[in-house]
PDB file of N, CA and C in Angstrom:
ATOM      1  N   MET A   1      95.386  79.725 104.674  1.00  0.00           N
ATOM      2  CA  MET A   1      95.211  81.101 105.066  1.00  0.00           C
ATOM      3  C   MET A   1      93.912  81.119 105.846  1.00  0.00           C
ATOM      4  N   THR A   2      93.842  81.083 107.199  1.00  0.00           N
ATOM      5  CA  THR A   2      92.644  81.310 108.055  1.00  0.00           C
ATOM      6  C   THR A   2      92.242  82.784 108.125  1.00  0.00           C
ATOM      7  N   ASP A   3      93.259  83.446 108.341  1.00  0.00           N
ATOM      8  CA  ASP A   3      92.854  84.909 108.506  1.00  0.00           C
ATOM      9  C   ASP A   3      93.504  85.893 107.567  1.00  0.00           C
ATOM     10  N   PRO A   4      92.966  86.385 106.483  1.00  0.00           N
ATOM     11  CA  PRO A   4      93.487  87.111 105.478  1.00  0.00           C
ATOM     12  C   PRO A   4      93.986  88.458 105.915  1.00  0.00           C
ATOM     13  N   ARG A   5      93.441  88.985 106.851  1.00  0.00           N
ATOM     14  CA  ARG A   5      93.942  90.428 107.526  1.00  0.00           C
ATOM     15  C   ARG A   5      95.255  90.122 108.089  1.00  0.00           C
ATOM     16  N   ALA A   6      95.320  89.199 108.872  1.00  0.00           N
ATOM     17  CA  ALA A   6      96.571  88.785 109.521  1.00  0.00           C
ATOM     18  C   ALA A   6      97.672  88.464 108.421  1.00  0.00           C
ATOM     19  N   SER A   7      97.318  87.712 107.501  1.00  0.00           N
ATOM     20  CA  SER A   7      98.126  87.424 106.412  1.00  0.00           C
ATOM     21  C   SER A   7      98.700  88.730 105.637  1.00  0.00           C
ATOM     22  N   VAL A   8      97.985  89.525 105.292  1.00  0.00           N
ATOM     23  CA  VAL A   8      98.161  90.729 104.701  1.00  0.00           C
ATOM     24  C   VAL A   8      99.285  91.673 105.513  1.00  0.00           C
ATOM     25  N   ALA A   9      98.722  91.770 106.682  1.00  0.00           N
ATOM     26  CA  ALA A   9      99.718  92.604 107.709  1.00  0.00           C
ATOM     27  C   ALA A   9     101.106  91.880 107.843  1.00  0.00           C
ATOM     28  N   THR A  10     101.189  90.605 107.753  1.00  0.00           N
ATOM     29  CA  THR A  10     102.501  89.922 107.877  1.00  0.00           C
ATOM     30  C   THR A  10     103.232  90.144 106.592  1.00  0.00           C
ATOM     31  N   ASP A  11     102.637  89.879 105.385  1.00  0.00           N
ATOM     32  CA  ASP A  11     103.244  90.182 104.127  1.00  0.00           C
ATOM     33  C   ASP A  11     103.861  91.518 104.002  1.00  0.00           C
ATOM     34  N   VAL A  12     102.897  92.601 104.473  1.00  0.00           N
ATOM     35  CA  VAL A  12     103.441  93.976 104.368  1.00  0.00           C
ATOM     36  C   VAL A  12     104.641  94.214 105.356  1.00  0.00           C
ATOM     37  N   ALA A  13     104.650  93.696 106.484  1.00  0.00           N
ATOM     38  CA  ALA A  13     105.761  93.622 107.390  1.00  0.00           C
ATOM     39  C   ALA A  13     107.082  92.946 106.644  1.00  0.00           C
ATOM     40  N   ALA A  14     106.771  91.906 106.039  1.00  0.00           N
ATOM     41  CA  ALA A  14     107.904  91.182 105.337  1.00  0.00           C
ATOM     42  C   ALA A  14     108.661  92.166 104.386  1.00  0.00           C
ATOM     43  N   LEU A  15     107.845  92.823 103.609  1.00  0.00           N
ATOM     44  CA  LEU A  15     108.300  93.755 102.588  1.00  0.00           C
ATOM     45  C   LEU A  15     108.973  94.941 103.368  1.00  0.00           C
ATOM     46  N   LYS A  16     108.413  95.381 104.279  1.00  0.00           N
ATOM     47  CA  LYS A  16     109.180  96.598 104.914  1.00  0.00           C
ATOM     48  C   LYS A  16     110.449  96.226 105.725  1.00  0.00           C
ATOM     49  N   GLY A  17     110.614  94.877 105.902  1.00  0.00           N
ATOM     50  CA  GLY A  17     111.939  94.471 106.570  1.00  0.00           C
ATOM     51  C   GLY A  17     113.030  93.920 105.612  1.00  0.00           C
ATOM     52  N   ASN A  18     112.584  94.094 104.181  1.00  0.00           N
ATOM     53  CA  ASN A  18     113.472  93.575 103.264  1.00  0.00           C
ATOM     54  C   ASN A  18     114.469  94.776 102.737  1.00  0.00           C
ATOM     55  N   PRO A  19     115.542  94.515 103.051  1.00  0.00           N
ATOM     56  CA  PRO A  19     116.741  95.587 102.942  1.00  0.00           C
ATOM     57  C   PRO A  19     117.003  95.725 101.419  1.00  0.00           C
ATOM     58  N   PHE A  20     116.767  94.750 100.654  1.00  0.00           N
ATOM     59  CA  PHE A  20     116.963  94.762  99.133  1.00  0.00           C
ATOM     60  C   PHE A  20     116.012  95.571  98.295  1.00  0.00           C
ATOM     61  N   LEU A  21     114.975  96.050  98.952  1.00  0.00           N
ATOM     62  CA  LEU A  21     113.901  97.032  98.184  1.00  0.00           C
ATOM     63  C   LEU A  21     114.182  98.331  98.528  1.00  0.00           C
ATOM     64  N   PRO A  22     114.051  99.219  97.556  1.00  0.00           N
ATOM     65  CA  PRO A  22     114.311 100.591  97.721  1.00  0.00           C
ATOM     66  C   PRO A  22     113.448 101.136  98.783  1.00  0.00           C
ATOM     67  N   ALA A  23     113.903 102.026  99.654  1.00  0.00           N
ATOM     68  CA  ALA A  23     113.260 102.468 100.696  1.00  0.00           C
ATOM     69  C   ALA A  23     111.987 103.411 100.308  1.00  0.00           C
ATOM     70  N   GLU A  24     112.135 104.017  99.325  1.00  0.00           N
ATOM     71  CA  GLU A  24     111.045 104.919  98.752  1.00  0.00           C
ATOM     72  C   GLU A  24     109.926 104.304  98.278  1.00  0.00           C
ATOM     73  N   PHE A  25     109.817 102.940  97.943  1.00  0.00           N
ATOM     74  CA  PHE A  25     108.719 102.223  97.563  1.00  0.00           C
ATOM     75  C   PHE A  25     107.627 102.472  98.490  1.00  0.00           C
ATOM     76  N   ILE A  26     106.309 102.714  98.149  1.00  0.00           N
ATOM     77  CA  ILE A  26     105.205 102.741  98.667  1.00  0.00           C
ATOM     78  C   ILE A  26     104.344 101.247  98.676  1.00  0.00           C
ATOM     79  N   VAL A  27     103.890 100.955  99.977  1.00  0.00           N
ATOM     80  CA  VAL A  27     103.267  99.743  99.982  1.00  0.00           C
ATOM     81  C   VAL A  27     102.114  99.840 100.892  1.00  0.00           C
ATOM     82  N   SER A  28     101.070  98.942 100.545  1.00  0.00           N
ATOM     83  CA  SER A  28      99.886  99.037 101.274  1.00  0.00           C
ATOM     84  C   SER A  28      99.253  97.662 101.419  1.00  0.00           C
ATOM     85  N   GLY A  29      98.273  97.389 102.195  1.00  0.00           N
ATOM     86  CA  GLY A  29      97.806  96.074 102.205  1.00  0.00           C
ATOM     87  C   GLY A  29      96.167  96.130 102.408  1.00  0.00           C
ATOM     88  N   LEU A  30      95.681  95.409 101.374  1.00  0.00           N
ATOM     89  CA  LEU A  30      94.266  95.347 101.009  1.00  0.00           C
ATOM     90  C   LEU A  30      93.713  93.923 101.182  1.00  0.00           C
ATOM     91  N   VAL A  31      92.438  93.947 101.539  1.00  0.00           N
ATOM     92  CA  VAL A  31      91.637  92.381 101.500  1.00  0.00           C
ATOM     93  C   VAL A  31      90.584  92.764 100.681  1.00  0.00           C
ATOM     94  N   TYR A  32      90.418  91.774  99.581  1.00  0.00           N
ATOM     95  CA  TYR A  32      89.213  91.899  98.659  1.00  0.00           C
ATOM     96  C   TYR A  32      88.205  90.731  99.074  1.00  0.00           C
ATOM     97  N   ASP A  33      87.052  91.121  99.250  1.00  0.00           N
ATOM     98  CA  ASP A  33      86.068  90.045  99.459  1.00  0.00           C
ATOM     99  C   ASP A  33      85.355  89.680  98.246  1.00  0.00           C
ATOM    100  N   VAL A  34      85.620  88.387  97.931  1.00  0.00           N
ATOM    101  CA  VAL A  34      85.103  87.886  96.498  1.00  0.00           C
ATOM    102  C   VAL A  34      83.576  87.796  96.667  1.00  0.00           C
ATOM    103  N   GLU A  35      82.966  87.744  97.602  1.00  0.00           N
ATOM    104  CA  GLU A  35      81.379  87.454  97.897  1.00  0.00           C
ATOM    105  C   GLU A  35      80.763  88.995  97.728  1.00  0.00           C
ATOM    106  N   THR A  36      81.368  90.026  98.428  1.00  0.00           N
ATOM    107  CA  THR A  36      80.579  91.171  98.416  1.00  0.00           C
ATOM    108  C   THR A  36      81.357  92.062  97.425  1.00  0.00           C
ATOM    109  N   GLY A  37      82.436  91.999  96.985  1.00  0.00           N
ATOM    110  CA  GLY A  37      83.075  92.872  96.028  1.00  0.00           C
ATOM    111  C   GLY A  37      83.804  94.018  96.827  1.00  0.00           C
ATOM    112  N   LEU A  38      83.636  94.087  98.124  1.00  0.00           N
ATOM    113  CA  LEU A  38      84.347  95.243  98.904  1.00  0.00           C
ATOM    114  C   LEU A  38      85.834  94.881  99.148  1.00  0.00           C
ATOM    115  N   ILE A  39      86.534  95.995  99.202  1.00  0.00           N
ATOM    116  CA  ILE A  39      87.840  96.097  99.493  1.00  0.00           C
ATOM    117  C   ILE A  39      88.162  96.688 100.864  1.00  0.00           C
ATOM    118  N   GLU A  40      88.810  96.120 101.793  1.00  0.00           N
ATOM    119  CA  GLU A  40      89.214  96.513 103.109  1.00  0.00           C
ATOM    120  C   GLU A  40      90.665  96.885 103.162  1.00  0.00           C
ATOM    121  N   GLN A  41      91.050  98.116 103.530  1.00  0.00           N
ATOM    122  CA  GLN A  41      92.364  98.598 103.710  1.00  0.00           C
ATOM    123  C   GLN A  41      92.800  98.115 105.061  1.00  0.00           C
ATOM    124  N   ILE A  42      93.793  97.288 105.125  1.00  0.00           N
ATOM    125  CA  ILE A  42      94.415  96.701 106.245  1.00  0.00           C
ATOM    126  C   ILE A  42      95.630  97.531 106.633  1.00  0.00           C
ATOM    127  N   VAL A  43      96.484  97.889 105.770  1.00  0.00           N
ATOM    128  CA  VAL A  43      97.690  98.703 106.002  1.00  0.00           C
ATOM    129  C   VAL A  43      97.610  99.796 105.070  1.00  0.00           C
ATOM    130  N   ARG A  44      97.738 101.113 105.790  1.00  0.00           N
ATOM    131  CA  ARG A  44      97.640 102.246 104.881  1.00  0.00           C
ATOM    132  C   ARG A  44      99.003 102.331 104.067  1.00  0.00           C
ATOM    133  N   PRO A  45      98.711 103.099 102.882  1.00  0.00           N
ATOM    134  CA  PRO A  45     100.013 103.264 102.058  1.00  0.00           C
ATOM    135  C   PRO A  45     100.985 104.179 102.685  1.00  0.00           C
ATOM    136  N   GLU A  46     102.164 103.695 102.735  1.00  0.00           N
ATOM    137  CA  GLU A  46     103.406 104.476 103.202  1.00  0.00           C
ATOM    138  C   GLU A  46     104.671 103.714 102.755  1.00  0.00           C
ATOM    139  N   GLN A  47     105.718 104.604 102.837  1.00  0.00           N
ATOM    140  CA  GLN A  47     107.155 104.224 102.296  1.00  0.00           C
ATOM    141  C   GLN A  47     107.588 102.922 103.116  1.00  0.00           C
ATOM    142  N   LEU A  48     108.169 102.228 102.311  1.00  0.00           N
ATOM    143  CA  LEU A  48     108.895 100.982 102.983  1.00  0.00           C
ATOM    144  C   LEU A  48     109.786 101.357 104.329  1.00  0.00           C
ATOM    145  N   ARG A  49     110.709 102.400 104.084  1.00  0.00           N
ATOM    146  CA  ARG A  49     111.354 102.849 105.243  1.00  0.00           C
ATOM    147  C   ARG A  49     111.608 104.204 105.069  1.00  0.00           C
ATOM    148  N   ASN A  50     111.973 105.026 106.140  1.00  0.00           N
ATOM    149  CA  ASN A  50     112.475 106.398 106.084  1.00  0.00           C
ATOM    150  C   ASN A  50     113.840 106.478 106.270  1.00  0.00           C
ATOM    151  N   GLU A  51     114.424 106.550 105.051  1.00  0.00           N
ATOM    152  CA  GLU A  51     115.940 106.609 104.989  1.00  0.00           C
ATOM    153  C   GLU A  51     116.318 107.627 104.164  1.00  0.00           C
TER     154      GLU A  51
END
């Protein structure tokens, strides 16, 4: 993994595209920096799908 932000965005997109997960699930994407202890929000929390 060379770009954790891109990896998180890709993972969230995969979850959103999974038709077997309930649409009402809330998903977000975060990156935790182990050196600084800071958490960066990459993808805002939102429902998987609006169905």
